[in-house]
Amino acid sequence: MADTELEPAKSAGVVTKIDPAEVPSAAWGWSGESRRTFRVAGWVVVVILLAMLFENQQGASSGSGWTGYIFLIGFAVALSGILIRDSIISRKPR
């Protein structure tokens, strides 16, 4: 049977070595997520969703209703709320 007791740490600091085979970006000295990149990409998606409201209406039947527009606006508002909440939370000290 395996021993279930943990050995105490021998040093105060924990040093980990990242294997580039597991995390390829570690070879470049970067291993993590870029919050700024994700925020910019999120705002680009919001702009694209809102741009879809101005589609070409020629040849479309007028009886289709507003359902598509409601979903586009709803997703854009929801994503905007998530992005704003994320930027507010990241500013607060932990």
PDB file of N, CA and C in Angstrom:
ATOM      1  N   MET A   1       0.837  -1.191   0.000  1.00  0.00           N
ATOM      2  CA  MET A   1       0.000   0.000   0.000  1.00  0.00           C
ATOM      3  C   MET A   1       0.877   1.248   0.000  1.00  0.00           C
ATOM      4  N   ALA A   2       0.344   2.260  -0.571  1.00  0.00           N
ATOM      5  CA  ALA A   2       1.076   3.517  -0.650  1.00  0.00           C
ATOM      6  C   ALA A   2       0.919   4.287   0.653  1.00  0.00           C
ATOM      7  N   ASP A   3       1.968   5.006   1.000  1.00  0.00           N
ATOM      8  CA  ASP A   3       1.949   5.831   2.196  1.00  0.00           C
ATOM      9  C   ASP A   3       1.132   7.086   1.914  1.00  0.00           C
ATOM     10  N   THR A   4       0.221   7.444   2.808  1.00  0.00           N
ATOM     11  CA  THR A   4      -0.667   8.586   2.573  1.00  0.00           C
ATOM     12  C   THR A   4      -0.197   9.863   3.249  1.00  0.00           C
ATOM     13  N   GLU A   5       0.879   9.826   4.005  1.00  0.00           N
ATOM     14  CA  GLU A   5       1.365  11.026   4.682  1.00  0.00           C
ATOM     15  C   GLU A   5       2.195  11.868   3.716  1.00  0.00           C
ATOM     16  N   LEU A   6       2.064  13.190   3.850  1.00  0.00           N
ATOM     17  CA  LEU A   6       2.804  14.115   3.009  1.00  0.00           C
ATOM     18  C   LEU A   6       4.090  14.525   3.700  1.00  0.00           C
ATOM     19  N   GLU A   7       5.141  14.695   2.939  1.00  0.00           N
ATOM     20  CA  GLU A   7       6.400  15.163   3.496  1.00  0.00           C
ATOM     21  C   GLU A   7       6.370  16.683   3.567  1.00  0.00           C
ATOM     22  N   PRO A   8       6.901  17.269   4.642  1.00  0.00           N
ATOM     23  CA  PRO A   8       6.926  18.733   4.733  1.00  0.00           C
ATOM     24  C   PRO A   8       7.888  19.314   3.699  1.00  0.00           C
ATOM     25  N   ALA A   9       7.576  20.522   3.269  1.00  0.00           N
ATOM     26  CA  ALA A   9       8.429  21.199   2.299  1.00  0.00           C
ATOM     27  C   ALA A   9       9.765  21.535   2.927  1.00  0.00           C
ATOM     28  N   LYS A  10      10.850  21.366   2.183  1.00  0.00           N
ATOM     29  CA  LYS A  10      12.183  21.616   2.714  1.00  0.00           C
ATOM     30  C   LYS A  10      12.591  23.079   2.572  1.00  0.00           C
ATOM     31  N   SER A  11      11.930  23.818   1.681  1.00  0.00           N
ATOM     32  CA  SER A  11      12.255  25.233   1.510  1.00  0.00           C
ATOM     33  C   SER A  11      10.967  26.049   1.543  1.00  0.00           C
ATOM     34  N   ALA A  12      11.133  27.326   1.824  1.00  0.00           N
ATOM     35  CA  ALA A  12       9.970  28.198   1.916  1.00  0.00           C
ATOM     36  C   ALA A  12       9.395  28.515   0.536  1.00  0.00           C
ATOM     37  N   GLY A  13      10.248  28.664  -0.455  1.00  0.00           N
ATOM     38  CA  GLY A  13       9.787  29.001  -1.793  1.00  0.00           C
ATOM     39  C   GLY A  13       9.557  27.752  -2.621  1.00  0.00           C
ATOM     40  N   VAL A  14       8.584  27.826  -3.495  1.00  0.00           N
ATOM     41  CA  VAL A  14       8.293  26.703  -4.374  1.00  0.00           C
ATOM     42  C   VAL A  14       8.783  27.067  -5.772  1.00  0.00           C
ATOM     43  N   VAL A  15       9.659  26.258  -6.296  1.00  0.00           N
ATOM     44  CA  VAL A  15      10.185  26.480  -7.635  1.00  0.00           C
ATOM     45  C   VAL A  15       9.673  25.358  -8.521  1.00  0.00           C
ATOM     46  N   THR A  16       9.007  25.748  -9.577  1.00  0.00           N
ATOM     47  CA  THR A  16       8.494  24.738 -10.501  1.00  0.00           C
ATOM     48  C   THR A  16       9.188  24.890 -11.838  1.00  0.00           C
ATOM     49  N   LYS A  17       9.424  23.785 -12.485  1.00  0.00           N
ATOM     50  CA  LYS A  17      10.019  23.803 -13.818  1.00  0.00           C
ATOM     51  C   LYS A  17       8.935  23.394 -14.801  1.00  0.00           C
ATOM     52  N   ILE A  18       8.698  24.239 -15.775  1.00  0.00           N
ATOM     53  CA  ILE A  18       7.681  23.969 -16.778  1.00  0.00           C
ATOM     54  C   ILE A  18       8.341  23.239 -17.935  1.00  0.00           C
ATOM     55  N   ASP A  19       7.790  22.132 -18.294  1.00  0.00           N
ATOM     56  CA  ASP A  19       8.311  21.335 -19.394  1.00  0.00           C
ATOM     57  C   ASP A  19       7.780  21.886 -20.719  1.00  0.00           C
ATOM     58  N   PRO A  20       8.666  22.315 -21.632  1.00  0.00           N
ATOM     59  CA  PRO A  20       8.187  22.855 -22.914  1.00  0.00           C
ATOM     60  C   PRO A  20       7.413  21.842 -23.750  1.00  0.00           C
ATOM     61  N   ALA A  21       7.576  20.556 -23.461  1.00  0.00           N
ATOM     62  CA  ALA A  21       6.796  19.557 -24.194  1.00  0.00           C
ATOM     63  C   ALA A  21       5.323  19.631 -23.804  1.00  0.00           C
ATOM     64  N   GLU A  22       5.048  19.993 -22.540  1.00  0.00           N
ATOM     65  CA  GLU A  22       3.670  20.112 -22.069  1.00  0.00           C
ATOM     66  C   GLU A  22       3.085  21.478 -22.399  1.00  0.00           C
ATOM     67  N   VAL A  23       3.896  22.521 -22.282  1.00  0.00           N
ATOM     68  CA  VAL A  23       3.449  23.891 -22.546  1.00  0.00           C
ATOM     69  C   VAL A  23       4.422  24.495 -23.552  1.00  0.00           C
ATOM     70  N   PRO A  24       4.102  24.428 -24.854  1.00  0.00           N
ATOM     71  CA  PRO A  24       5.050  24.900 -25.870  1.00  0.00           C
ATOM     72  C   PRO A  24       5.433  26.371 -25.728  1.00  0.00           C
ATOM     73  N   SER A  25       4.537  27.210 -25.232  1.00  0.00           N
ATOM     74  CA  SER A  25       4.855  28.631 -25.115  1.00  0.00           C
ATOM     75  C   SER A  25       5.874  28.911 -24.023  1.00  0.00           C
ATOM     76  N   ALA A  26       6.153  27.943 -23.141  1.00  0.00           N
ATOM     77  CA  ALA A  26       7.145  28.137 -22.090  1.00  0.00           C
ATOM     78  C   ALA A  26       8.540  28.314 -22.676  1.00  0.00           C
ATOM     79  N   ALA A  27       8.795  27.775 -23.850  1.00  0.00           N
ATOM     80  CA  ALA A  27      10.100  27.934 -24.493  1.00  0.00           C
ATOM     81  C   ALA A  27      10.362  29.388 -24.864  1.00  0.00           C
ATOM     82  N   TRP A  28       9.301  30.187 -25.055  1.00  0.00           N
ATOM     83  CA  TRP A  28       9.453  31.596 -25.388  1.00  0.00           C
ATOM     84  C   TRP A  28       9.449  32.483 -24.150  1.00  0.00           C
ATOM     85  N   GLY A  29       9.296  31.889 -22.984  1.00  0.00           N
ATOM     86  CA  GLY A  29       9.288  32.661 -21.753  1.00  0.00           C
ATOM     87  C   GLY A  29       7.915  33.184 -21.378  1.00  0.00           C
ATOM     88  N   TRP A  30       6.885  32.698 -22.037  1.00  0.00           N
ATOM     89  CA  TRP A  30       5.528  33.136 -21.731  1.00  0.00           C
ATOM     90  C   TRP A  30       4.661  31.913 -21.551  1.00  0.00           C
ATOM     91  N   SER A  31       3.929  31.882 -20.464  1.00  0.00           N
ATOM     92  CA  SER A  31       3.010  30.782 -20.232  1.00  0.00           C
ATOM     93  C   SER A  31       1.841  31.311 -19.426  1.00  0.00           C
ATOM     94  N   GLY A  32       0.782  31.652 -20.091  1.00  0.00           N
ATOM     95  CA  GLY A  32      -0.373  32.198 -19.401  1.00  0.00           C
ATOM     96  C   GLY A  32      -1.390  32.729 -20.379  1.00  0.00           C
ATOM     97  N   GLU A  33      -2.359  33.451 -19.844  1.00  0.00           N
ATOM     98  CA  GLU A  33      -3.408  34.020 -20.658  1.00  0.00           C
ATOM     99  C   GLU A  33      -3.225  35.530 -20.724  1.00  0.00           C
ATOM    100  N   SER A  34      -3.538  36.095 -21.844  1.00  0.00           N
ATOM    101  CA  SER A  34      -3.477  37.536 -22.012  1.00  0.00           C
ATOM    102  C   SER A  34      -4.883  38.090 -21.868  1.00  0.00           C
ATOM    103  N   ARG A  35      -5.171  38.676 -20.718  1.00  0.00           N
ATOM    104  CA  ARG A  35      -6.511  39.221 -20.482  1.00  0.00           C
ATOM    105  C   ARG A  35      -6.830  40.330 -21.471  1.00  0.00           C
ATOM    106  N   ARG A  36      -5.829  41.116 -21.806  1.00  0.00           N
ATOM    107  CA  ARG A  36      -6.070  42.229 -22.727  1.00  0.00           C
ATOM    108  C   ARG A  36      -6.488  41.714 -24.107  1.00  0.00           C
ATOM    109  N   THR A  37      -5.837  40.658 -24.572  1.00  0.00           N
ATOM    110  CA  THR A  37      -6.179  40.087 -25.867  1.00  0.00           C
ATOM    111  C   THR A  37      -7.605  39.568 -25.874  1.00  0.00           C
ATOM    112  N   PHE A  38      -7.992  38.888 -24.792  1.00  0.00           N
ATOM    113  CA  PHE A  38      -9.352  38.366 -24.715  1.00  0.00           C
ATOM    114  C   PHE A  38     -10.377  39.493 -24.648  1.00  0.00           C
ATOM    115  N   ARG A  39     -10.051  40.575 -23.960  1.00  0.00           N
ATOM    116  CA  ARG A  39     -10.982  41.712 -23.908  1.00  0.00           C
ATOM    117  C   ARG A  39     -11.148  42.360 -25.278  1.00  0.00           C
ATOM    118  N   VAL A  40     -10.043  42.557 -25.974  1.00  0.00           N
ATOM    119  CA  VAL A  40     -10.116  43.157 -27.316  1.00  0.00           C
ATOM    120  C   VAL A  40     -10.928  42.256 -28.238  1.00  0.00           C
ATOM    121  N   ALA A  41     -10.673  40.956 -28.182  1.00  0.00           N
ATOM    122  CA  ALA A  41     -11.428  40.018 -29.018  1.00  0.00           C
ATOM    123  C   ALA A  41     -12.909  40.045 -28.661  1.00  0.00           C
ATOM    124  N   GLY A  42     -13.228  40.165 -27.391  1.00  0.00           N
ATOM    125  CA  GLY A  42     -14.625  40.246 -26.965  1.00  0.00           C
ATOM    126  C   GLY A  42     -15.316  41.484 -27.512  1.00  0.00           C
ATOM    127  N   TRP A  43     -14.633  42.625 -27.460  1.00  0.00           N
ATOM    128  CA  TRP A  43     -15.246  43.856 -27.985  1.00  0.00           C
ATOM    129  C   TRP A  43     -15.390  43.799 -29.504  1.00  0.00           C
ATOM    130  N   VAL A  44     -14.453  43.125 -30.174  1.00  0.00           N
ATOM    131  CA  VAL A  44     -14.588  42.951 -31.629  1.00  0.00           C
ATOM    132  C   VAL A  44     -15.839  42.122 -31.937  1.00  0.00           C
ATOM    133  N   VAL A  45     -16.079  41.084 -31.151  1.00  0.00           N
ATOM    134  CA  VAL A  45     -17.272  40.253 -31.351  1.00  0.00           C
ATOM    135  C   VAL A  45     -18.538  41.070 -31.100  1.00  0.00           C
ATOM    136  N   VAL A  46     -18.527  41.941 -30.085  1.00  0.00           N
ATOM    137  CA  VAL A  46     -19.691  42.792 -29.815  1.00  0.00           C
ATOM    138  C   VAL A  46     -19.970  43.697 -31.018  1.00  0.00           C
ATOM    139  N   VAL A  47     -18.919  44.290 -31.581  1.00  0.00           N
ATOM    140  CA  VAL A  47     -19.096  45.168 -32.746  1.00  0.00           C
ATOM    141  C   VAL A  47     -19.637  44.370 -33.935  1.00  0.00           C
ATOM    142  N   ILE A  48     -19.124  43.158 -34.138  1.00  0.00           N
ATOM    143  CA  ILE A  48     -19.606  42.328 -35.249  1.00  0.00           C
ATOM    144  C   ILE A  48     -21.071  41.959 -35.046  1.00  0.00           C
ATOM    145  N   LEU A  49     -21.459  41.613 -33.823  1.00  0.00           N
ATOM    146  CA  LEU A  49     -22.863  41.284 -33.555  1.00  0.00           C
ATOM    147  C   LEU A  49     -23.770  42.475 -33.854  1.00  0.00           C
ATOM    148  N   LEU A  50     -23.348  43.659 -33.436  1.00  0.00           N
ATOM    149  CA  LEU A  50     -24.171  44.846 -33.689  1.00  0.00           C
ATOM    150  C   LEU A  50     -24.156  45.232 -35.168  1.00  0.00           C
ATOM    151  N   ALA A  51     -23.067  44.950 -35.866  1.00  0.00           N
ATOM    152  CA  ALA A  51     -23.009  45.240 -37.305  1.00  0.00           C
ATOM    153  C   ALA A  51     -23.969  44.346 -38.078  1.00  0.00           C
ATOM    154  N   MET A  52     -24.264  43.180 -37.539  1.00  0.00           N
ATOM    155  CA  MET A  52     -25.208  42.284 -38.201  1.00  0.00           C
ATOM    156  C   MET A  52     -26.634  42.840 -38.218  1.00  0.00           C
ATOM    157  N   LEU A  53     -26.904  43.863 -37.428  1.00  0.00           N
ATOM    158  CA  LEU A  53     -28.223  44.492 -37.436  1.00  0.00           C
ATOM    159  C   LEU A  53     -28.463  45.257 -38.733  1.00  0.00           C
ATOM    160  N   PHE A  54     -27.383  45.620 -39.428  1.00  0.00           N
ATOM    161  CA  PHE A  54     -27.492  46.427 -40.632  1.00  0.00           C
ATOM    162  C   PHE A  54     -27.320  45.575 -41.881  1.00  0.00           C
ATOM    163  N   GLU A  55     -27.899  44.396 -41.875  1.00  0.00           N
ATOM    164  CA  GLU A  55     -27.790  43.508 -43.028  1.00  0.00           C
ATOM    165  C   GLU A  55     -28.628  44.046 -44.187  1.00  0.00           C
ATOM    166  N   ASN A  56     -28.398  43.515 -45.356  1.00  0.00           N
ATOM    167  CA  ASN A  56     -29.136  43.908 -46.549  1.00  0.00           C
ATOM    168  C   ASN A  56     -30.544  43.316 -46.473  1.00  0.00           C
ATOM    169  N   GLN A  57     -31.551  44.147 -46.553  1.00  0.00           N
ATOM    170  CA  GLN A  57     -32.934  43.701 -46.418  1.00  0.00           C
ATOM    171  C   GLN A  57     -33.620  43.424 -47.755  1.00  0.00           C
ATOM    172  N   GLN A  58     -32.937  43.538 -48.863  1.00  0.00           N
ATOM    173  CA  GLN A  58     -33.566  43.325 -50.165  1.00  0.00           C
ATOM    174  C   GLN A  58     -33.877  41.848 -50.353  1.00  0.00           C
ATOM    175  N   GLY A  59     -35.094  41.556 -50.712  1.00  0.00           N
ATOM    176  CA  GLY A  59     -35.500  40.189 -50.977  1.00  0.00           C
ATOM    177  C   GLY A  59     -35.926  39.413 -49.743  1.00  0.00           C
ATOM    178  N   ALA A  60     -35.770  39.970 -48.571  1.00  0.00           N
ATOM    179  CA  ALA A  60     -36.176  39.279 -47.350  1.00  0.00           C
ATOM    180  C   ALA A  60     -37.661  39.520 -47.111  1.00  0.00           C
ATOM    181  N   SER A  61     -38.321  38.518 -46.588  1.00  0.00           N
ATOM    182  CA  SER A  61     -39.749  38.681 -46.302  1.00  0.00           C
ATOM    183  C   SER A  61     -39.916  39.536 -45.058  1.00  0.00           C
ATOM    184  N   SER A  62     -40.908  40.389 -45.086  1.00  0.00           N
ATOM    185  CA  SER A  62     -41.119  41.296 -43.961  1.00  0.00           C
ATOM    186  C   SER A  62     -41.862  40.622 -42.819  1.00  0.00           C
ATOM    187  N   GLY A  63     -42.330  39.406 -43.003  1.00  0.00           N
ATOM    188  CA  GLY A  63     -43.073  38.724 -41.951  1.00  0.00           C
ATOM    189  C   GLY A  63     -42.214  37.926 -40.990  1.00  0.00           C
ATOM    190  N   SER A  64     -40.886  38.023 -41.100  1.00  0.00           N
ATOM    191  CA  SER A  64     -40.006  37.209 -40.263  1.00  0.00           C
ATOM    192  C   SER A  64     -39.929  37.711 -38.827  1.00  0.00           C
ATOM    193  N   GLY A  65     -40.263  38.941 -38.571  1.00  0.00           N
ATOM    194  CA  GLY A  65     -40.281  39.468 -37.211  1.00  0.00           C
ATOM    195  C   GLY A  65     -38.927  39.971 -36.744  1.00  0.00           C
ATOM    196  N   TRP A  66     -38.881  40.246 -35.445  1.00  0.00           N
ATOM    197  CA  TRP A  66     -37.705  40.855 -34.834  1.00  0.00           C
ATOM    198  C   TRP A  66     -36.887  39.860 -34.012  1.00  0.00           C
ATOM    199  N   THR A  67     -37.182  38.587 -34.105  1.00  0.00           N
ATOM    200  CA  THR A  67     -36.537  37.594 -33.249  1.00  0.00           C
ATOM    201  C   THR A  67     -35.018  37.590 -33.424  1.00  0.00           C
ATOM    202  N   GLY A  68     -34.542  37.618 -34.646  1.00  0.00           N
ATOM    203  CA  GLY A  68     -33.098  37.619 -34.894  1.00  0.00           C
ATOM    204  C   GLY A  68     -32.424  38.850 -34.318  1.00  0.00           C
ATOM    205  N   TYR A  69     -33.071  40.006 -34.475  1.00  0.00           N
ATOM    206  CA  TYR A  69     -32.504  41.240 -33.936  1.00  0.00           C
ATOM    207  C   TYR A  69     -32.456  41.213 -32.411  1.00  0.00           C
ATOM    208  N   ILE A  70     -33.485  40.654 -31.804  1.00  0.00           N
ATOM    209  CA  ILE A  70     -33.514  40.565 -30.335  1.00  0.00           C
ATOM    210  C   ILE A  70     -32.367  39.687 -29.838  1.00  0.00           C
ATOM    211  N   PHE A  71     -32.123  38.555 -30.511  1.00  0.00           N
ATOM    212  CA  PHE A  71     -31.018  37.685 -30.096  1.00  0.00           C
ATOM    213  C   PHE A  71     -29.666  38.366 -30.308  1.00  0.00           C
ATOM    214  N   LEU A  72     -29.478  39.063 -31.433  1.00  0.00           N
ATOM    215  CA  LEU A  72     -28.217  39.762 -31.666  1.00  0.00           C
ATOM    216  C   LEU A  72     -27.954  40.811 -30.594  1.00  0.00           C
ATOM    217  N   ILE A  73     -28.980  41.611 -30.303  1.00  0.00           N
ATOM    218  CA  ILE A  73     -28.823  42.647 -29.282  1.00  0.00           C
ATOM    219  C   ILE A  73     -28.614  42.021 -27.906  1.00  0.00           C
ATOM    220  N   GLY A  74     -29.347  40.952 -27.613  1.00  0.00           N
ATOM    221  CA  GLY A  74     -29.204  40.280 -26.315  1.00  0.00           C
ATOM    222  C   GLY A  74     -27.815  39.708 -26.099  1.00  0.00           C
ATOM    223  N   PHE A  75     -27.271  39.031 -27.123  1.00  0.00           N
ATOM    224  CA  PHE A  75     -25.923  38.483 -26.989  1.00  0.00           C
ATOM    225  C   PHE A  75     -24.884  39.592 -26.875  1.00  0.00           C
ATOM    226  N   ALA A  76     -25.056  40.675 -27.627  1.00  0.00           N
ATOM    227  CA  ALA A  76     -24.115  41.793 -27.556  1.00  0.00           C
ATOM    228  C   ALA A  76     -24.146  42.450 -26.176  1.00  0.00           C
ATOM    229  N   VAL A  77     -25.337  42.628 -25.621  1.00  0.00           N
ATOM    230  CA  VAL A  77     -25.461  43.226 -24.280  1.00  0.00           C
ATOM    231  C   VAL A  77     -24.873  42.295 -23.226  1.00  0.00           C
ATOM    232  N   ALA A  78     -25.146  40.998 -23.337  1.00  0.00           N
ATOM    233  CA  ALA A  78     -24.614  40.041 -22.365  1.00  0.00           C
ATOM    234  C   ALA A  78     -23.085  40.003 -22.412  1.00  0.00           C
ATOM    235  N   LEU A  79     -22.511  39.962 -23.597  1.00  0.00           N
ATOM    236  CA  LEU A  79     -21.059  39.938 -23.721  1.00  0.00           C
ATOM    237  C   LEU A  79     -20.448  41.245 -23.227  1.00  0.00           C
ATOM    238  N   SER A  80     -21.096  42.364 -23.504  1.00  0.00           N
ATOM    239  CA  SER A  80     -20.611  43.652 -23.002  1.00  0.00           C
ATOM    240  C   SER A  80     -20.625  43.671 -21.485  1.00  0.00           C
ATOM    241  N   GLY A  81     -21.682  43.145 -20.891  1.00  0.00           N
ATOM    242  CA  GLY A  81     -21.757  43.079 -19.431  1.00  0.00           C
ATOM    243  C   GLY A  81     -20.650  42.235 -18.827  1.00  0.00           C
ATOM    244  N   ILE A  82     -20.366  41.104 -19.454  1.00  0.00           N
ATOM    245  CA  ILE A  82     -19.282  40.237 -18.968  1.00  0.00           C
ATOM    246  C   ILE A  82     -17.939  40.954 -19.072  1.00  0.00           C
ATOM    247  N   LEU A  83     -17.699  41.643 -20.187  1.00  0.00           N
ATOM    248  CA  LEU A  83     -16.430  42.348 -20.368  1.00  0.00           C
ATOM    249  C   LEU A  83     -16.277  43.500 -19.384  1.00  0.00           C
ATOM    250  N   ILE A  84     -17.343  44.250 -19.159  1.00  0.00           N
ATOM    251  CA  ILE A  84     -17.287  45.359 -18.200  1.00  0.00           C
ATOM    252  C   ILE A  84     -17.072  44.836 -16.791  1.00  0.00           C
ATOM    253  N   ARG A  85     -17.792  43.769 -16.431  1.00  0.00           N
ATOM    254  CA  ARG A  85     -17.619  43.168 -15.104  1.00  0.00           C
ATOM    255  C   ARG A  85     -16.187  42.675 -14.908  1.00  0.00           C
ATOM    256  N   ASP A  86     -15.610  42.052 -15.940  1.00  0.00           N
ATOM    257  CA  ASP A  86     -14.245  41.553 -15.845  1.00  0.00           C
ATOM    258  C   ASP A  86     -13.252  42.687 -15.644  1.00  0.00           C
ATOM    259  N   SER A  87     -13.438  43.804 -16.357  1.00  0.00           N
ATOM    260  CA  SER A  87     -12.505  44.912 -16.204  1.00  0.00           C
ATOM    261  C   SER A  87     -12.634  45.568 -14.833  1.00  0.00           C
ATOM    262  N   ILE A  88     -13.836  45.616 -14.270  1.00  0.00           N
ATOM    263  CA  ILE A  88     -14.016  46.178 -12.927  1.00  0.00           C
ATOM    264  C   ILE A  88     -13.397  45.277 -11.874  1.00  0.00           C
ATOM    265  N   ILE A  89     -13.624  43.975 -11.995  1.00  0.00           N
ATOM    266  CA  ILE A  89     -13.086  43.032 -11.010  1.00  0.00           C
ATOM    267  C   ILE A  89     -11.562  43.018 -11.040  1.00  0.00           C
ATOM    268  N   SER A  90     -10.969  43.121 -12.237  1.00  0.00           N
ATOM    269  CA  SER A  90      -9.513  43.047 -12.328  1.00  0.00           C
ATOM    270  C   SER A  90      -8.850  44.305 -11.772  1.00  0.00           C
ATOM    271  N   ARG A  91      -9.566  45.396 -11.644  1.00  0.00           N
ATOM    272  CA  ARG A  91      -8.998  46.632 -11.085  1.00  0.00           C
ATOM    273  C   ARG A  91      -8.953  46.599  -9.564  1.00  0.00           C
ATOM    274  N   LYS A  92      -9.858  45.871  -8.945  1.00  0.00           N
ATOM    275  CA  LYS A  92      -9.914  45.837  -7.486  1.00  0.00           C
ATOM    276  C   LYS A  92      -8.739  45.023  -6.941  1.00  0.00           C
ATOM    277  N   PRO A  93      -8.081  45.523  -5.907  1.00  0.00           N
ATOM    278  CA  PRO A  93      -6.999  44.744  -5.304  1.00  0.00           C
ATOM    279  C   PRO A  93      -7.565  43.544  -4.556  1.00  0.00           C
ATOM    280  N   ARG A  94      -6.827  42.464  -4.589  1.00  0.00           N
ATOM    281  CA  ARG A  94      -7.293  41.234  -3.924  1.00  0.00           C
ATOM    282  C   ARG A  94      -6.782  41.128  -2.535  1.00  0.00           C
TER     283      ARG A  94
END
